[in-house]
C-alpha atoms as a PDB file:
ATOM      1  CA  UNK A   1      40.135 -45.866 -40.338  1.00  0.00           C
ATOM      2  CA  UNK A   2      39.010 -48.492 -42.840  1.00  0.00           C
ATOM      3  CA  UNK A   3      41.386 -46.908 -45.383  1.00  0.00           C
ATOM      4  CA  UNK A   4      44.331 -48.034 -43.226  1.00  0.00           C
ATOM      5  CA  UNK A   5      43.428 -51.735 -43.558  1.00  0.00           C
ATOM      6  CA  UNK A   6      44.893 -52.232 -47.061  1.00  0.00           C
ATOM      7  CA  UNK A   7      48.046 -50.311 -46.099  1.00  0.00           C
ATOM      8  CA  UNK A   8      48.500 -52.345 -42.928  1.00  0.00           C
ATOM      9  CA  UNK A   9      47.971 -55.580 -44.862  1.00  0.00           C
ATOM     10  CA  UNK A  10      50.513 -54.529 -47.505  1.00  0.00           C
ATOM     11  CA  UNK A  11      53.068 -53.588 -44.847  1.00  0.00           C
ATOM     12  CA  UNK A  12      52.592 -56.794 -42.850  1.00  0.00           C
ATOM     13  CA  UNK A  13      52.752 -58.974 -45.952  1.00  0.00           C
ATOM     14  CA  UNK A  14      55.914 -57.189 -47.112  1.00  0.00           C
ATOM     15  CA  UNK A  15      57.558 -57.959 -43.786  1.00  0.00           C
ATOM     16  CA  UNK A  16      56.327 -61.564 -43.770  1.00  0.00           C
ATOM     17  CA  UNK A  17      57.502 -62.188 -47.348  1.00  0.00           C
ATOM     18  CA  UNK A  18      60.977 -61.074 -46.258  1.00  0.00           C
ATOM     19  CA  UNK A  19      61.026 -63.745 -43.537  1.00  0.00           C
ATOM     20  CA  UNK A  20      60.384 -67.278 -44.877  1.00  0.00           C
ATOM     21  CA  UNK A  21      60.046 -68.695 -41.364  1.00  0.00           C
ATOM     22  CA  UNK A  22      57.121 -66.331 -40.671  1.00  0.00           C
ATOM     23  CA  UNK A  23      55.193 -67.494 -43.711  1.00  0.00           C
ATOM     24  CA  UNK A  24      55.844 -71.122 -42.809  1.00  0.00           C
ATOM     25  CA  UNK A  25      54.595 -70.535 -39.278  1.00  0.00           C
ATOM     26  CA  UNK A  26      51.392 -68.799 -40.447  1.00  0.00           C
ATOM     27  CA  UNK A  27      50.543 -71.338 -43.189  1.00  0.00           C
ATOM     28  CA  UNK A  28      49.534 -73.765 -40.458  1.00  0.00           C
ATOM     29  CA  UNK A  29      46.718 -71.356 -39.517  1.00  0.00           C
ATOM     30  CA  UNK A  30      45.345 -70.584 -42.977  1.00  0.00           C
ATOM     31  CA  UNK A  31      41.705 -69.596 -42.855  1.00  0.00           C
ATOM     32  CA  UNK A  32      41.999 -68.092 -39.365  1.00  0.00           C
ATOM     33  CA  UNK A  33      40.413 -64.717 -38.685  1.00  0.00           C
ATOM     34  CA  UNK A  34      42.200 -62.125 -36.545  1.00  0.00           C
ATOM     35  CA  UNK A  35      40.821 -58.973 -34.920  1.00  0.00           C
ATOM     36  CA  UNK A  36      43.322 -56.304 -33.851  1.00  0.00           C
ATOM     37  CA  UNK A  37      41.831 -53.596 -31.623  1.00  0.00           C
ATOM     38  CA  UNK A  38      43.791 -50.593 -30.401  1.00  0.00           C
ATOM     39  CA  UNK A  39      40.861 -48.447 -29.389  1.00  0.00           C
ATOM     40  CA  UNK A  40      41.605 -45.928 -32.171  1.00  0.00           C
ATOM     41  CA  UNK A  41      41.484 -48.441 -34.996  1.00  0.00           C
ATOM     42  CA  UNK A  42      40.231 -51.958 -35.555  1.00  0.00           C
ATOM     43  CA  UNK A  43      41.770 -54.275 -38.138  1.00  0.00           C
ATOM     44  CA  UNK A  44      40.147 -57.504 -39.326  1.00  0.00           C
ATOM     45  CA  UNK A  45      42.609 -59.821 -40.983  1.00  0.00           C
ATOM     46  CA  UNK A  46      42.504 -63.308 -42.392  1.00  0.00           C
ATOM     47  CA  UNK A  47      45.403 -65.673 -43.010  1.00  0.00           C
ATOM     48  CA  UNK A  48      45.546 -67.235 -46.477  1.00  0.00           C
ATOM     49  CA  UNK A  49      47.048 -70.533 -47.647  1.00  0.00           C
ATOM     50  CA  UNK A  50      50.413 -68.856 -48.408  1.00  0.00           C
ATOM     51  CA  UNK A  51      50.778 -67.579 -44.826  1.00  0.00           C
ATOM     52  CA  UNK A  52      49.977 -63.985 -45.762  1.00  0.00           C
ATOM     53  CA  UNK A  53      47.258 -61.663 -44.500  1.00  0.00           C
ATOM     54  CA  UNK A  54      44.178 -60.526 -46.393  1.00  0.00           C
ATOM     55  CA  UNK A  55      41.168 -58.432 -45.417  1.00  0.00           C
ATOM     56  CA  UNK A  56      39.164 -60.295 -42.804  1.00  0.00           C
ATOM     57  CA  UNK A  57      35.510 -61.198 -43.138  1.00  0.00           C
ATOM     58  CA  UNK A  58      33.336 -59.097 -40.819  1.00  0.00           C
ATOM     59  CA  UNK A  59      30.641 -61.767 -40.822  1.00  0.00           C
ATOM     60  CA  UNK A  60      32.942 -64.367 -39.280  1.00  0.00           C
ATOM     61  CA  UNK A  61      33.809 -64.549 -35.597  1.00  0.00           C
ATOM     62  CA  UNK A  62      37.545 -63.919 -35.075  1.00  0.00           C
ATOM     63  CA  UNK A  63      39.649 -66.894 -34.002  1.00  0.00           C
ATOM     64  CA  UNK A  64      42.049 -64.541 -32.206  1.00  0.00           C
ATOM     65  CA  UNK A  65      41.534 -61.097 -30.715  1.00  0.00           C
ATOM     66  CA  UNK A  66      44.558 -58.872 -30.122  1.00  0.00           C
ATOM     67  CA  UNK A  67      43.940 -55.865 -27.887  1.00  0.00           C
ATOM     68  CA  UNK A  68      46.711 -53.283 -27.976  1.00  0.00           C
ATOM     69  CA  UNK A  69      47.402 -50.955 -25.013  1.00  0.00           C
ATOM     70  CA  UNK A  70      46.088 -47.401 -25.124  1.00  0.00           C
ATOM     71  CA  UNK A  71      49.614 -46.031 -24.730  1.00  0.00           C
ATOM     72  CA  UNK A  72      50.841 -47.845 -27.863  1.00  0.00           C
ATOM     73  CA  UNK A  73      52.577 -44.806 -29.445  1.00  0.00           C
ATOM     74  CA  UNK A  74      54.532 -44.037 -26.270  1.00  0.00           C
ATOM     75  CA  UNK A  75      55.601 -47.663 -25.873  1.00  0.00           C
ATOM     76  CA  UNK A  76      56.704 -47.814 -29.511  1.00  0.00           C
ATOM     77  CA  UNK A  77      58.801 -44.691 -29.041  1.00  0.00           C
ATOM     78  CA  UNK A  78      60.300 -45.282 -25.603  1.00  0.00           C
ATOM     79  CA  UNK A  79      60.176 -48.929 -24.610  1.00  0.00           C
ATOM     80  CA  UNK A  80      59.303 -51.498 -27.255  1.00  0.00           C
ATOM     81  CA  UNK A  81      60.207 -54.327 -24.878  1.00  0.00           C
ATOM     82  CA  UNK A  82      57.165 -53.652 -22.688  1.00  0.00           C
ATOM     83  CA  UNK A  83      54.837 -53.355 -25.672  1.00  0.00           C
ATOM     84  CA  UNK A  84      54.408 -57.082 -26.252  1.00  0.00           C
ATOM     85  CA  UNK A  85      53.992 -57.833 -22.576  1.00  0.00           C
ATOM     86  CA  UNK A  86      51.057 -55.382 -22.416  1.00  0.00           C
ATOM     87  CA  UNK A  87      49.192 -56.805 -25.435  1.00  0.00           C
ATOM     88  CA  UNK A  88      46.153 -58.930 -24.543  1.00  0.00           C
ATOM     89  CA  UNK A  89      45.493 -62.016 -26.647  1.00  0.00           C
ATOM     90  CA  UNK A  90      42.209 -63.886 -26.690  1.00  0.00           C
ATOM     91  CA  UNK A  91      40.855 -66.862 -28.578  1.00  0.00           C
ATOM     92  CA  UNK A  92      42.686 -69.897 -29.903  1.00  0.00           C
ATOM     93  CA  UNK A  93      45.906 -70.355 -27.935  1.00  0.00           C
ATOM     94  CA  UNK A  94      47.964 -71.944 -30.723  1.00  0.00           C
ATOM     95  CA  UNK A  95      47.029 -69.284 -33.298  1.00  0.00           C
ATOM     96  CA  UNK A  96      47.590 -66.497 -30.745  1.00  0.00           C
ATOM     97  CA  UNK A  97      50.994 -67.926 -29.817  1.00  0.00           C
ATOM     98  CA  UNK A  98      52.049 -68.194 -33.467  1.00  0.00           C
ATOM     99  CA  UNK A  99      50.861 -64.661 -34.233  1.00  0.00           C
ATOM    100  CA  UNK A 100      52.590 -63.249 -31.173  1.00  0.00           C
ATOM    101  CA  UNK A 101      55.837 -64.999 -32.101  1.00  0.00           C
ATOM    102  CA  UNK A 102      55.694 -63.805 -35.712  1.00  0.00           C
ATOM    103  CA  UNK A 103      54.766 -60.197 -34.864  1.00  0.00           C
ATOM    104  CA  UNK A 104      57.361 -59.988 -32.100  1.00  0.00           C
ATOM    105  CA  UNK A 105      60.179 -61.260 -34.323  1.00  0.00           C
ATOM    106  CA  UNK A 106      59.422 -59.519 -37.622  1.00  0.00           C
ATOM    107  CA  UNK A 107      62.040 -56.952 -38.560  1.00  0.00           C
ATOM    108  CA  UNK A 108      61.938 -54.455 -41.400  1.00  0.00           C
ATOM    109  CA  UNK A 109      65.134 -54.106 -43.400  1.00  0.00           C
ATOM    110  CA  UNK A 110      64.460 -50.533 -44.472  1.00  0.00           C
ATOM    111  CA  UNK A 111      67.951 -50.205 -45.901  1.00  0.00           C
ATOM    112  CA  UNK A 112      67.358 -53.077 -48.351  1.00  0.00           C
ATOM    113  CA  UNK A 113      64.069 -51.552 -49.483  1.00  0.00           C
ATOM    114  CA  UNK A 114      65.703 -48.152 -49.947  1.00  0.00           C
ATOM    115  CA  UNK A 115      68.580 -49.774 -51.853  1.00  0.00           C
ATOM    116  CA  UNK A 116      66.125 -51.078 -54.442  1.00  0.00           C
ATOM    117  CA  UNK A 117      64.905 -47.523 -55.024  1.00  0.00           C
ATOM    118  CA  UNK A 118      68.044 -45.405 -54.585  1.00  0.00           C
ATOM    119  CA  UNK A 119      71.030 -47.719 -54.734  1.00  0.00           C
ATOM    120  CA  UNK A 120      73.231 -49.168 -52.025  1.00  0.00           C
ATOM    121  CA  UNK A 121      75.302 -46.164 -50.937  1.00  0.00           C
ATOM    122  CA  UNK A 122      72.462 -43.608 -50.661  1.00  0.00           C
ATOM    123  CA  UNK A 123      70.329 -46.223 -48.889  1.00  0.00           C
ATOM    124  CA  UNK A 124      73.115 -46.906 -46.371  1.00  0.00           C
ATOM    125  CA  UNK A 125      73.584 -43.198 -45.699  1.00  0.00           C
ATOM    126  CA  UNK A 126      69.861 -42.571 -45.315  1.00  0.00           C
ATOM    127  CA  UNK A 127      69.493 -45.549 -42.980  1.00  0.00           C
ATOM    128  CA  UNK A 128      72.373 -44.307 -40.797  1.00  0.00           C
ATOM    129  CA  UNK A 129      70.919 -40.795 -40.791  1.00  0.00           C
ATOM    130  CA  UNK A 130      67.503 -42.160 -39.761  1.00  0.00           C
ATOM    131  CA  UNK A 131      69.081 -44.236 -36.966  1.00  0.00           C
ATOM    132  CA  UNK A 132      71.014 -41.219 -35.704  1.00  0.00           C
ATOM    133  CA  UNK A 133      67.920 -39.014 -35.832  1.00  0.00           C
ATOM    134  CA  UNK A 134      65.780 -41.621 -34.061  1.00  0.00           C
ATOM    135  CA  UNK A 135      68.382 -42.001 -31.302  1.00  0.00           C
ATOM    136  CA  UNK A 136      68.654 -38.212 -30.946  1.00  0.00           C
ATOM    137  CA  UNK A 137      64.889 -37.787 -30.746  1.00  0.00           C
ATOM    138  CA  UNK A 138      64.583 -40.557 -28.177  1.00  0.00           C
ATOM    139  CA  UNK A 139      67.405 -39.029 -26.141  1.00  0.00           C
ATOM    140  CA  UNK A 140      65.879 -35.538 -26.345  1.00  0.00           C
ATOM    141  CA  UNK A 141      62.441 -36.754 -25.298  1.00  0.00           C
ATOM    142  CA  UNK A 142      63.996 -38.697 -22.420  1.00  0.00           C
ATOM    143  CA  UNK A 143      65.878 -35.603 -21.251  1.00  0.00           C
ATOM    144  CA  UNK A 144      62.725 -33.451 -21.460  1.00  0.00           C
ATOM    145  CA  UNK A 145      60.829 -36.028 -19.378  1.00  0.00           C
ATOM    146  CA  UNK A 146      63.669 -36.158 -16.853  1.00  0.00           C
ATOM    147  CA  UNK A 147      63.787 -32.349 -16.620  1.00  0.00           C
ATOM    148  CA  UNK A 148      60.021 -32.159 -16.175  1.00  0.00           C
ATOM    149  CA  UNK A 149      60.074 -34.742 -13.403  1.00  0.00           C
ATOM    150  CA  UNK A 150      62.901 -32.870 -11.684  1.00  0.00           C
ATOM    151  CA  UNK A 151      60.932 -29.604 -11.976  1.00  0.00           C
ATOM    152  CA  UNK A 152      57.753 -31.278 -10.671  1.00  0.00           C
ATOM    153  CA  UNK A 153      59.630 -32.750  -7.698  1.00  0.00           C
ATOM    154  CA  UNK A 154      62.118 -30.063  -6.753  1.00  0.00           C
ATOM    155  CA  UNK A 155      60.976 -26.659  -7.928  1.00  0.00           C
ATOM    156  CA  UNK A 156      57.203 -26.515  -8.265  1.00  0.00           C
ATOM    157  CA  UNK A 157      56.185 -28.745  -5.401  1.00  0.00           C
ATOM    158  CA  UNK A 158      53.609 -30.497  -7.617  1.00  0.00           C
ATOM    159  CA  UNK A 159      54.924 -33.889  -6.480  1.00  0.00           C
ATOM    160  CA  UNK A 160      56.523 -35.060  -3.281  1.00  0.00           C
ATOM    161  CA  UNK A 161      60.014 -36.528  -3.510  1.00  0.00           C
ATOM    162  CA  UNK A 162      60.341 -40.153  -2.392  1.00  0.00           C
ATOM    163  CA  UNK A 163      62.745 -39.116   0.393  1.00  0.00           C
ATOM    164  CA  UNK A 164      60.093 -36.695   1.713  1.00  0.00           C
ATOM    165  CA  UNK A 165      57.421 -39.398   1.583  1.00  0.00           C
ATOM    166  CA  UNK A 166      59.740 -41.808   3.413  1.00  0.00           C
ATOM    167  CA  UNK A 167      60.512 -39.181   6.077  1.00  0.00           C
ATOM    168  CA  UNK A 168      56.777 -38.505   6.506  1.00  0.00           C
ATOM    169  CA  UNK A 169      56.133 -42.259   6.867  1.00  0.00           C
ATOM    170  CA  UNK A 170      58.867 -42.522   9.504  1.00  0.00           C
ATOM    171  CA  UNK A 171      57.426 -39.551  11.374  1.00  0.00           C
ATOM    172  CA  UNK A 172      53.942 -41.122  11.337  1.00  0.00           C
ATOM    173  CA  UNK A 173      55.360 -44.413  12.696  1.00  0.00           C
ATOM    174  CA  UNK A 174      57.219 -42.503  15.410  1.00  0.00           C
ATOM    175  CA  UNK A 175      54.062 -40.629  16.331  1.00  0.00           C
ATOM    176  CA  UNK A 176      52.113 -43.914  16.473  1.00  0.00           C
ATOM    177  CA  UNK A 177      54.717 -45.391  18.836  1.00  0.00           C
ATOM    178  CA  UNK A 178      54.647 -42.272  21.007  1.00  0.00           C
ATOM    179  CA  UNK A 179      50.842 -42.399  21.209  1.00  0.00           C
ATOM    180  CA  UNK A 180      50.977 -46.104  22.156  1.00  0.00           C
ATOM    181  CA  UNK A 181      53.462 -45.366  24.950  1.00  0.00           C
ATOM    182  CA  UNK A 182      51.312 -42.462  26.157  1.00  0.00           C
ATOM    183  CA  UNK A 183      48.225 -44.702  26.228  1.00  0.00           C
ATOM    184  CA  UNK A 184      50.108 -47.243  28.350  1.00  0.00           C
ATOM    185  CA  UNK A 185      51.161 -44.525  30.831  1.00  0.00           C
ATOM    186  CA  UNK A 186      47.599 -43.254  31.065  1.00  0.00           C
ATOM    187  CA  UNK A 187      46.210 -46.767  31.575  1.00  0.00           C
ATOM    188  CA  UNK A 188      48.679 -47.290  34.485  1.00  0.00           C
ATOM    189  CA  UNK A 189      47.362 -44.209  36.277  1.00  0.00           C
END
């Protein structure tokens, strides 16, 4: 996974260079070392004097550790909003807060990058096609998950429906009350 480090650094720096505010925010933390751990891959990054990332020094202790959740791909695909709330940050609070803010608010203008390669009109059409395909894939996956949960609940009996669990709970409470009343009757005898 070491081969991914230069690609990740290039991608992050490309995004940061497109957002002047991000560079300005990171310049304040030049020299900081960052460790990003997702379980599958580990990235060591450093922040330079221009507010960009470079390969981190393995000999230095990281100032900030970012631990990504194990279900990162699913969160990226289905619910990006919960992704940042499940990331664990450790180390220097001010560096971690700045990094979290920058990473949360970076946005890739893929259409602008494509326009430099292909021209404006083809880039616009490709970007719209990609957005449509992404929405269709997300919708299809959501429908498959919904159908599977319906099958698991209704047809196969693999899972109990919440209404069945609630009815069972009510029956248990009723049985408990009946047993308590029976115990009182027996104690009176």
